[in-house]
Amino acid sequence: MGIAVNGVDIDDSAIEQELAHHQDADNPLKQAAQELVLRTVLLQQADTLGICGDDDQRIEELLAFQVQVPKADEEACLRFYRNNAARYTNGDMVEARHILLQVTPDAPLELLRGTGEALLEALQAQPERFAELAAQYSNCSSGQVGGSLGQLSRGQCVPEFEELLFRLGEGELAGRLLETRFGLHIVQVQRKVAGTLLPFDAVRDEVAILLDQMASRRATHQYLHILVGQAQIEGLELEGADSPLVQ
């Protein structure tokens, strides 16, 4: 691919080897190349500072030395806890139903979107037709039972589906189509059971660890941007320093 960092070439064999770790990425080849560029930038900085050891040790020591992150204090933890109460609530449950329009070669996204919008409009006018239309149009086996998904608690659905489910009120039909990896959904919450918010004292340590991890990722991300900005990179345009290195 003709990639070089500060005059040091990254050969195709290294990219091929790295590629196996990024098969789930939207663009595996670009992600693999970007990861190698970032590792090379970090290892070159470790060389400059005289840090020795194997590559992973050198990167770890470099980040520990260069990226300083203050610990989350009590006020920050309490504020996060209050602003994210749903995260620390046990027992939240909804009873929901949906109509799934699945994307296939014979049913492209734009065609499904038009069908979905028409179905949603029909249900907004006549919500009692939900079971009928689910049986007729849904590509999910739940269509045979009126689209019913039964009772769902947090963690049972993909994040974007869960976020919508627990935001809707009891009896509420979502006013827009929801797009997930499975296709387009028309969603209605039929019943909600409120959970119990755990006391702050019970989750304080968990909140502190999470905030420290988030702060560390932000600081590492910023540090990578600085190093990338100072480096001469040829053959690859980095859109940002997002990388498994900062996970």
C-alpha atoms as a PDB file:
ATOM      1  CA  MET A   1       0.000   0.000   0.000  1.00  0.00           C
ATOM      2  CA  GLY A   2       3.019   2.314   0.130  1.00  0.00           C
ATOM      3  CA  ILE A   3       2.579   3.536   3.721  1.00  0.00           C
ATOM      4  CA  ALA A   4       5.412   5.155   5.674  1.00  0.00           C
ATOM      5  CA  VAL A   5       5.683   6.851   9.073  1.00  0.00           C
ATOM      6  CA  ASN A   6       8.529   9.349   9.472  1.00  0.00           C
ATOM      7  CA  GLY A   7      10.346   7.587   6.632  1.00  0.00           C
ATOM      8  CA  VAL A   8       9.822   4.063   8.014  1.00  0.00           C
ATOM      9  CA  ASP A   9       7.889   1.797   5.627  1.00  0.00           C
ATOM     10  CA  ILE A  10       5.001  -0.404   6.735  1.00  0.00           C
ATOM     11  CA  ASP A  11       5.053  -3.352   4.353  1.00  0.00           C
ATOM     12  CA  ASP A  12       2.078  -5.234   2.967  1.00  0.00           C
ATOM     13  CA  SER A  13       2.903  -8.406   4.912  1.00  0.00           C
ATOM     14  CA  ALA A  14       2.496  -6.541   8.210  1.00  0.00           C
ATOM     15  CA  ILE A  15      -0.855  -5.185   7.044  1.00  0.00           C
ATOM     16  CA  GLU A  16      -1.998  -8.675   5.999  1.00  0.00           C
ATOM     17  CA  GLN A  17      -1.082 -10.037   9.421  1.00  0.00           C
ATOM     18  CA  GLU A  18      -2.906  -7.209  11.194  1.00  0.00           C
ATOM     19  CA  LEU A  19      -5.956  -7.559   8.927  1.00  0.00           C
ATOM     20  CA  ALA A  20      -7.097 -10.720  10.714  1.00  0.00           C
ATOM     21  CA  HIS A  21      -7.824  -8.655  13.857  1.00  0.00           C
ATOM     22  CA  HIS A  22     -10.206  -6.231  12.126  1.00  0.00           C
ATOM     23  CA  GLN A  23     -12.635  -8.361  10.133  1.00  0.00           C
ATOM     24  CA  ASP A  24     -15.623  -6.832  11.941  1.00  0.00           C
ATOM     25  CA  ALA A  25     -14.651  -3.274  10.972  1.00  0.00           C
ATOM     26  CA  ASP A  26     -16.553  -1.398   8.246  1.00  0.00           C
ATOM     27  CA  ASN A  27     -13.312  -1.201   6.264  1.00  0.00           C
ATOM     28  CA  PRO A  28     -10.970  -3.936   7.604  1.00  0.00           C
ATOM     29  CA  LEU A  29      -8.032  -3.022   5.351  1.00  0.00           C
ATOM     30  CA  LYS A  30      -8.083   0.650   6.279  1.00  0.00           C
ATOM     31  CA  GLN A  31      -8.565  -0.146   9.962  1.00  0.00           C
ATOM     32  CA  ALA A  32      -5.588  -2.532   9.929  1.00  0.00           C
ATOM     33  CA  ALA A  33      -3.383   0.037   8.192  1.00  0.00           C
ATOM     34  CA  GLN A  34      -4.443   2.769  10.611  1.00  0.00           C
ATOM     35  CA  GLU A  35      -3.741   0.551  13.612  1.00  0.00           C
ATOM     36  CA  LEU A  36      -0.209  -0.165  12.361  1.00  0.00           C
ATOM     37  CA  VAL A  37       0.428   3.526  11.741  1.00  0.00           C
ATOM     38  CA  LEU A  38      -0.646   4.411  15.279  1.00  0.00           C
ATOM     39  CA  ARG A  39       1.483   1.619  16.784  1.00  0.00           C
ATOM     40  CA  THR A  40       4.470   2.783  14.752  1.00  0.00           C
ATOM     41  CA  VAL A  41       4.006   6.385  15.902  1.00  0.00           C
ATOM     42  CA  LEU A  42       3.864   5.242  19.527  1.00  0.00           C
ATOM     43  CA  LEU A  43       6.879   2.937  19.212  1.00  0.00           C
ATOM     44  CA  GLN A  44       8.920   5.690  17.561  1.00  0.00           C
ATOM     45  CA  GLN A  45       8.054   7.993  20.467  1.00  0.00           C
ATOM     46  CA  ALA A  46       9.085   5.234  22.895  1.00  0.00           C
ATOM     47  CA  ASP A  47      12.429   5.016  21.048  1.00  0.00           C
ATOM     48  CA  THR A  48      12.879   8.768  21.410  1.00  0.00           C
ATOM     49  CA  LEU A  49      12.347   8.506  25.171  1.00  0.00           C
ATOM     50  CA  GLY A  50      14.613   5.455  25.493  1.00  0.00           C
ATOM     51  CA  ILE A  51      11.867   3.076  26.641  1.00  0.00           C
ATOM     52  CA  CYS A  52      12.936  -0.565  26.275  1.00  0.00           C
ATOM     53  CA  GLY A  53      11.134  -3.926  26.232  1.00  0.00           C
ATOM     54  CA  ASP A  54       8.846  -5.701  23.793  1.00  0.00           C
ATOM     55  CA  ASP A  55       6.461  -3.597  21.706  1.00  0.00           C
ATOM     56  CA  ASP A  56       3.396  -3.966  23.949  1.00  0.00           C
ATOM     57  CA  GLN A  57       5.410  -3.196  27.086  1.00  0.00           C
ATOM     58  CA  ARG A  58       6.948  -0.132  25.489  1.00  0.00           C
ATOM     59  CA  ILE A  59       3.555   1.233  24.432  1.00  0.00           C
ATOM     60  CA  GLU A  60       2.086   0.559  27.866  1.00  0.00           C
ATOM     61  CA  GLU A  61       5.009   2.264  29.628  1.00  0.00           C
ATOM     62  CA  LEU A  62       4.930   5.204  27.219  1.00  0.00           C
ATOM     63  CA  LEU A  63       1.224   5.835  27.815  1.00  0.00           C
ATOM     64  CA  ALA A  64       1.630   5.443  31.577  1.00  0.00           C
ATOM     65  CA  PHE A  65       4.457   8.005  31.503  1.00  0.00           C
ATOM     66  CA  GLN A  66       2.971  10.507  29.051  1.00  0.00           C
ATOM     67  CA  VAL A  67      -0.783  10.323  29.705  1.00  0.00           C
ATOM     68  CA  GLN A  68      -1.646  11.618  33.156  1.00  0.00           C
ATOM     69  CA  VAL A  69      -5.291  11.287  34.169  1.00  0.00           C
ATOM     70  CA  PRO A  70      -6.720  12.668  37.439  1.00  0.00           C
ATOM     71  CA  LYS A  71      -8.933  10.303  39.417  1.00  0.00           C
ATOM     72  CA  ALA A  72     -12.666  10.994  39.480  1.00  0.00           C
ATOM     73  CA  ASP A  73     -13.692  12.719  42.703  1.00  0.00           C
ATOM     74  CA  GLU A  74     -16.858  12.158  44.769  1.00  0.00           C
ATOM     75  CA  GLU A  75     -18.702  15.080  43.173  1.00  0.00           C
ATOM     76  CA  ALA A  76     -18.034  13.841  39.623  1.00  0.00           C
ATOM     77  CA  CYS A  77     -19.131  10.309  40.542  1.00  0.00           C
ATOM     78  CA  LEU A  78     -22.352  11.519  42.149  1.00  0.00           C
ATOM     79  CA  ARG A  79     -23.150  13.756  39.177  1.00  0.00           C
ATOM     80  CA  PHE A  80     -22.636  10.873  36.721  1.00  0.00           C
ATOM     81  CA  TYR A  81     -24.782   8.579  38.885  1.00  0.00           C
ATOM     82  CA  ARG A  82     -27.651  11.081  38.948  1.00  0.00           C
ATOM     83  CA  ASN A  83     -27.425  11.806  35.207  1.00  0.00           C
ATOM     84  CA  ASN A  84     -27.363   8.090  34.324  1.00  0.00           C
ATOM     85  CA  ALA A  85     -29.863   6.677  36.795  1.00  0.00           C
ATOM     86  CA  ALA A  86     -31.164   4.123  34.274  1.00  0.00           C
ATOM     87  CA  ARG A  87     -27.709   2.543  34.143  1.00  0.00           C
ATOM     88  CA  TYR A  88     -27.898   1.762  37.864  1.00  0.00           C
ATOM     89  CA  THR A  89     -31.508   0.638  38.001  1.00  0.00           C
ATOM     90  CA  ASN A  90     -32.285  -3.044  38.427  1.00  0.00           C
ATOM     91  CA  GLY A  91     -35.506  -4.687  37.320  1.00  0.00           C
ATOM     92  CA  ASP A  92     -36.640  -2.295  34.550  1.00  0.00           C
ATOM     93  CA  MET A  93     -38.864  -4.286  32.226  1.00  0.00           C
ATOM     94  CA  VAL A  94     -41.069  -3.616  29.218  1.00  0.00           C
ATOM     95  CA  GLU A  95     -43.590  -5.643  27.297  1.00  0.00           C
ATOM     96  CA  ALA A  96     -43.242  -4.722  23.640  1.00  0.00           C
ATOM     97  CA  ARG A  97     -44.104  -5.669  20.091  1.00  0.00           C
ATOM     98  CA  HIS A  98     -42.580  -4.816  16.730  1.00  0.00           C
ATOM     99  CA  ILE A  99     -42.814  -5.228  12.996  1.00  0.00           C
ATOM    100  CA  LEU A 100     -39.468  -6.059  11.359  1.00  0.00           C
ATOM    101  CA  LEU A 101     -38.789  -5.195   7.738  1.00  0.00           C
ATOM    102  CA  GLN A 102     -35.591  -7.060   6.900  1.00  0.00           C
ATOM    103  CA  VAL A 103     -33.175  -5.808   4.247  1.00  0.00           C
ATOM    104  CA  THR A 104     -32.514  -8.417   1.534  1.00  0.00           C
ATOM    105  CA  PRO A 105     -31.213  -8.267  -2.067  1.00  0.00           C
ATOM    106  CA  ASP A 106     -34.847  -8.368  -3.221  1.00  0.00           C
ATOM    107  CA  ALA A 107     -35.940  -5.752  -0.692  1.00  0.00           C
ATOM    108  CA  PRO A 108     -33.401  -2.891  -0.597  1.00  0.00           C
ATOM    109  CA  LEU A 109     -33.377  -0.342   2.194  1.00  0.00           C
ATOM    110  CA  GLU A 110     -35.119   2.478   0.316  1.00  0.00           C
ATOM    111  CA  LEU A 111     -37.975   0.226  -0.754  1.00  0.00           C
ATOM    112  CA  LEU A 112     -38.396  -1.023   2.812  1.00  0.00           C
ATOM    113  CA  ARG A 113     -38.276   2.500   4.152  1.00  0.00           C
ATOM    114  CA  GLY A 114     -41.212   3.481   1.961  1.00  0.00           C
ATOM    115  CA  THR A 115     -43.175   0.426   3.080  1.00  0.00           C
ATOM    116  CA  GLY A 116     -42.292   1.070   6.701  1.00  0.00           C
ATOM    117  CA  GLU A 117     -43.375   4.712   6.564  1.00  0.00           C
ATOM    118  CA  ALA A 118     -46.709   3.674   5.046  1.00  0.00           C
ATOM    119  CA  LEU A 119     -47.244   1.025   7.745  1.00  0.00           C
ATOM    120  CA  LEU A 120     -46.338   3.466  10.506  1.00  0.00           C
ATOM    121  CA  GLU A 121     -48.785   6.030   9.138  1.00  0.00           C
ATOM    122  CA  ALA A 122     -51.514   3.385   9.025  1.00  0.00           C
ATOM    123  CA  LEU A 123     -50.838   2.370  12.637  1.00  0.00           C
ATOM    124  CA  GLN A 124     -50.850   5.956  13.851  1.00  0.00           C
ATOM    125  CA  ALA A 125     -54.344   6.254  12.394  1.00  0.00           C
ATOM    126  CA  GLN A 126     -55.522   2.790  13.493  1.00  0.00           C
ATOM    127  CA  PRO A 127     -53.268   1.368  16.245  1.00  0.00           C
ATOM    128  CA  GLU A 128     -55.609  -1.598  16.727  1.00  0.00           C
ATOM    129  CA  ARG A 129     -54.295  -3.019  13.416  1.00  0.00           C
ATOM    130  CA  PHE A 130     -50.819  -3.721  14.825  1.00  0.00           C
ATOM    131  CA  ALA A 131     -51.265  -7.504  15.160  1.00  0.00           C
ATOM    132  CA  GLU A 132     -52.861  -7.743  11.720  1.00  0.00           C
ATOM    133  CA  LEU A 133     -50.055  -5.807   9.994  1.00  0.00           C
ATOM    134  CA  ALA A 134     -47.347  -7.648  11.944  1.00  0.00           C
ATOM    135  CA  ALA A 135     -48.698 -10.972  10.708  1.00  0.00           C
ATOM    136  CA  GLN A 136     -48.822  -9.679   7.152  1.00  0.00           C
ATOM    137  CA  TYR A 137     -45.533  -7.758   6.880  1.00  0.00           C
ATOM    138  CA  SER A 138     -43.085  -8.669   9.674  1.00  0.00           C
ATOM    139  CA  ASN A 139     -40.008 -10.716   8.774  1.00  0.00           C
ATOM    140  CA  CYS A 140     -39.684 -11.790  12.412  1.00  0.00           C
ATOM    141  CA  SER A 141     -41.269 -14.993  13.739  1.00  0.00           C
ATOM    142  CA  SER A 142     -43.006 -12.793  16.318  1.00  0.00           C
ATOM    143  CA  GLY A 143     -45.312 -11.658  13.520  1.00  0.00           C
ATOM    144  CA  GLN A 144     -47.314 -14.830  14.047  1.00  0.00           C
ATOM    145  CA  VAL A 145     -48.156 -13.670  17.573  1.00  0.00           C
ATOM    146  CA  GLY A 146     -49.010 -10.093  16.699  1.00  0.00           C
ATOM    147  CA  GLY A 147     -45.404  -8.933  16.780  1.00  0.00           C
ATOM    148  CA  SER A 148     -45.124  -9.630  20.511  1.00  0.00           C
ATOM    149  CA  LEU A 149     -41.590  -9.816  21.921  1.00  0.00           C
ATOM    150  CA  GLY A 150     -42.835 -10.638  25.400  1.00  0.00           C
ATOM    151  CA  GLN A 151     -41.207  -9.122  28.468  1.00  0.00           C
ATOM    152  CA  LEU A 152     -37.759  -7.612  27.980  1.00  0.00           C
ATOM    153  CA  SER A 153     -35.235  -6.384  30.528  1.00  0.00           C
ATOM    154  CA  ARG A 154     -32.119  -4.316  29.933  1.00  0.00           C
ATOM    155  CA  GLY A 155     -29.301  -6.119  28.189  1.00  0.00           C
ATOM    156  CA  GLN A 156     -31.515  -8.434  26.114  1.00  0.00           C
ATOM    157  CA  CYS A 157     -31.597  -6.317  22.938  1.00  0.00           C
ATOM    158  CA  VAL A 158     -29.091  -4.519  20.740  1.00  0.00           C
ATOM    159  CA  PRO A 159     -28.297  -1.081  22.262  1.00  0.00           C
ATOM    160  CA  GLU A 160     -30.218   1.065  19.780  1.00  0.00           C
ATOM    161  CA  PHE A 161     -33.347  -1.083  20.180  1.00  0.00           C
ATOM    162  CA  GLU A 162     -33.056  -1.078  23.967  1.00  0.00           C
ATOM    163  CA  GLU A 163     -32.563   2.687  24.110  1.00  0.00           C
ATOM    164  CA  LEU A 164     -35.818   3.262  22.240  1.00  0.00           C
ATOM    165  CA  LEU A 165     -37.770   0.630  24.186  1.00  0.00           C
ATOM    166  CA  PHE A 166     -36.981   2.105  27.582  1.00  0.00           C
ATOM    167  CA  ARG A 167     -37.560   5.670  26.411  1.00  0.00           C
ATOM    168  CA  LEU A 168     -41.087   5.051  25.134  1.00  0.00           C
ATOM    169  CA  GLY A 169     -44.025   5.437  27.497  1.00  0.00           C
ATOM    170  CA  GLU A 170     -46.551   2.715  28.252  1.00  0.00           C
ATOM    171  CA  GLY A 171     -48.776   2.153  25.210  1.00  0.00           C
ATOM    172  CA  GLU A 172     -46.648   4.456  23.062  1.00  0.00           C
ATOM    173  CA  LEU A 173     -45.942   3.727  19.400  1.00  0.00           C
ATOM    174  CA  ALA A 174     -42.547   5.021  18.268  1.00  0.00           C
ATOM    175  CA  GLY A 175     -43.037   7.940  15.907  1.00  0.00           C
ATOM    176  CA  ARG A 176     -40.238   6.878  13.572  1.00  0.00           C
ATOM    177  CA  LEU A 177     -38.756   3.746  12.066  1.00  0.00           C
ATOM    178  CA  LEU A 178     -35.854   2.295  14.023  1.00  0.00           C
ATOM    179  CA  GLU A 179     -32.916   1.051  11.971  1.00  0.00           C
ATOM    180  CA  THR A 180     -30.741  -1.733  13.412  1.00  0.00           C
ATOM    181  CA  ARG A 181     -28.426  -4.389  11.962  1.00  0.00           C
ATOM    182  CA  PHE A 182     -31.545  -6.552  11.478  1.00  0.00           C
ATOM    183  CA  GLY A 183     -33.476  -4.053   9.385  1.00  0.00           C
ATOM    184  CA  LEU A 184     -36.212  -1.481  10.042  1.00  0.00           C
ATOM    185  CA  HIS A 185     -38.541  -1.789  13.033  1.00  0.00           C
ATOM    186  CA  ILE A 186     -41.899  -0.350  13.982  1.00  0.00           C
ATOM    187  CA  VAL A 187     -41.967  -0.502  17.779  1.00  0.00           C
ATOM    188  CA  GLN A 188     -44.659  -0.189  20.425  1.00  0.00           C
ATOM    189  CA  VAL A 189     -44.320  -0.554  24.183  1.00  0.00           C
ATOM    190  CA  GLN A 190     -47.444  -2.091  25.669  1.00  0.00           C
ATOM    191  CA  ARG A 191     -46.513  -2.191  29.356  1.00  0.00           C
ATOM    192  CA  LYS A 192     -43.689  -0.938  31.568  1.00  0.00           C
ATOM    193  CA  VAL A 193     -42.497  -2.107  34.983  1.00  0.00           C
ATOM    194  CA  ALA A 194     -40.216   0.319  36.768  1.00  0.00           C
ATOM    195  CA  GLY A 195     -37.083  -1.038  38.398  1.00  0.00           C
ATOM    196  CA  THR A 196     -35.297  -0.027  41.593  1.00  0.00           C
ATOM    197  CA  LEU A 197     -32.468   2.491  41.600  1.00  0.00           C
ATOM    198  CA  LEU A 198     -29.441   1.110  43.433  1.00  0.00           C
ATOM    199  CA  PRO A 199     -28.145   3.409  46.213  1.00  0.00           C
ATOM    200  CA  PHE A 200     -25.103   5.512  45.306  1.00  0.00           C
ATOM    201  CA  ASP A 201     -22.987   3.897  48.034  1.00  0.00           C
ATOM    202  CA  ALA A 202     -23.516   0.497  46.407  1.00  0.00           C
ATOM    203  CA  VAL A 203     -22.211   1.599  43.004  1.00  0.00           C
ATOM    204  CA  ARG A 204     -19.711   4.358  43.922  1.00  0.00           C
ATOM    205  CA  ASP A 205     -16.652   2.233  43.133  1.00  0.00           C
ATOM    206  CA  GLU A 206     -18.147   1.038  39.838  1.00  0.00           C
ATOM    207  CA  VAL A 207     -18.895   4.636  38.815  1.00  0.00           C
ATOM    208  CA  ALA A 208     -15.369   5.771  39.747  1.00  0.00           C
ATOM    209  CA  ILE A 209     -13.763   2.981  37.713  1.00  0.00           C
ATOM    210  CA  LEU A 210     -15.935   3.798  34.712  1.00  0.00           C
ATOM    211  CA  LEU A 211     -15.154   7.533  34.878  1.00  0.00           C
ATOM    212  CA  ASP A 212     -11.431   6.802  35.219  1.00  0.00           C
ATOM    213  CA  GLN A 213     -11.576   4.537  32.148  1.00  0.00           C
ATOM    214  CA  MET A 214     -13.456   7.154  30.140  1.00  0.00           C
ATOM    215  CA  ALA A 215     -10.983   9.866  31.142  1.00  0.00           C
ATOM    216  CA  SER A 216      -8.050   7.605  30.263  1.00  0.00           C
ATOM    217  CA  ARG A 217      -9.489   6.895  26.807  1.00  0.00           C
ATOM    218  CA  ARG A 218     -10.043  10.617  26.160  1.00  0.00           C
ATOM    219  CA  ALA A 219      -6.540  11.523  27.279  1.00  0.00           C
ATOM    220  CA  THR A 220      -4.966   8.718  25.230  1.00  0.00           C
ATOM    221  CA  HIS A 221      -7.013   9.768  22.222  1.00  0.00           C
ATOM    222  CA  GLN A 222      -5.754  13.353  22.580  1.00  0.00           C
ATOM    223  CA  TYR A 223      -2.158  12.167  22.982  1.00  0.00           C
ATOM    224  CA  LEU A 224      -2.428  10.069  19.805  1.00  0.00           C
ATOM    225  CA  HIS A 225      -3.734  13.095  17.929  1.00  0.00           C
ATOM    226  CA  ILE A 226      -0.735  15.120  19.056  1.00  0.00           C
ATOM    227  CA  LEU A 227       1.744  12.452  17.968  1.00  0.00           C
ATOM    228  CA  VAL A 228      -0.022  11.938  14.645  1.00  0.00           C
ATOM    229  CA  GLY A 229      -0.010  15.687  14.045  1.00  0.00           C
ATOM    230  CA  GLN A 230       3.749  15.799  14.598  1.00  0.00           C
ATOM    231  CA  ALA A 231       4.499  12.753  12.419  1.00  0.00           C
ATOM    232  CA  GLN A 232       5.073  12.634   8.672  1.00  0.00           C
ATOM    233  CA  ILE A 233       2.630   9.994   7.413  1.00  0.00           C
ATOM    234  CA  GLU A 234       2.589   8.964   3.775  1.00  0.00           C
ATOM    235  CA  GLY A 235       0.096   6.767   1.949  1.00  0.00           C
ATOM    236  CA  LEU A 236      -2.753   6.945   4.472  1.00  0.00           C
ATOM    237  CA  GLU A 237      -5.034   9.742   5.587  1.00  0.00           C
ATOM    238  CA  LEU A 238      -6.018   9.274   9.234  1.00  0.00           C
ATOM    239  CA  GLU A 239      -9.568  10.400   9.959  1.00  0.00           C
ATOM    240  CA  GLY A 240      -8.861  10.337  13.685  1.00  0.00           C
ATOM    241  CA  ALA A 241      -7.010   8.424  16.359  1.00  0.00           C
ATOM    242  CA  ASP A 242      -9.818   5.993  17.169  1.00  0.00           C
ATOM    243  CA  SER A 243      -8.135   2.684  17.766  1.00  0.00           C
ATOM    244  CA  PRO A 244      -8.291  -0.509  19.815  1.00  0.00           C
ATOM    245  CA  LEU A 245      -5.102   0.871  21.376  1.00  0.00           C
ATOM    246  CA  VAL A 246      -7.209   3.257  23.430  1.00  0.00           C
ATOM    247  CA  GLN A 247      -9.792   0.666  24.555  1.00  0.00           C
END
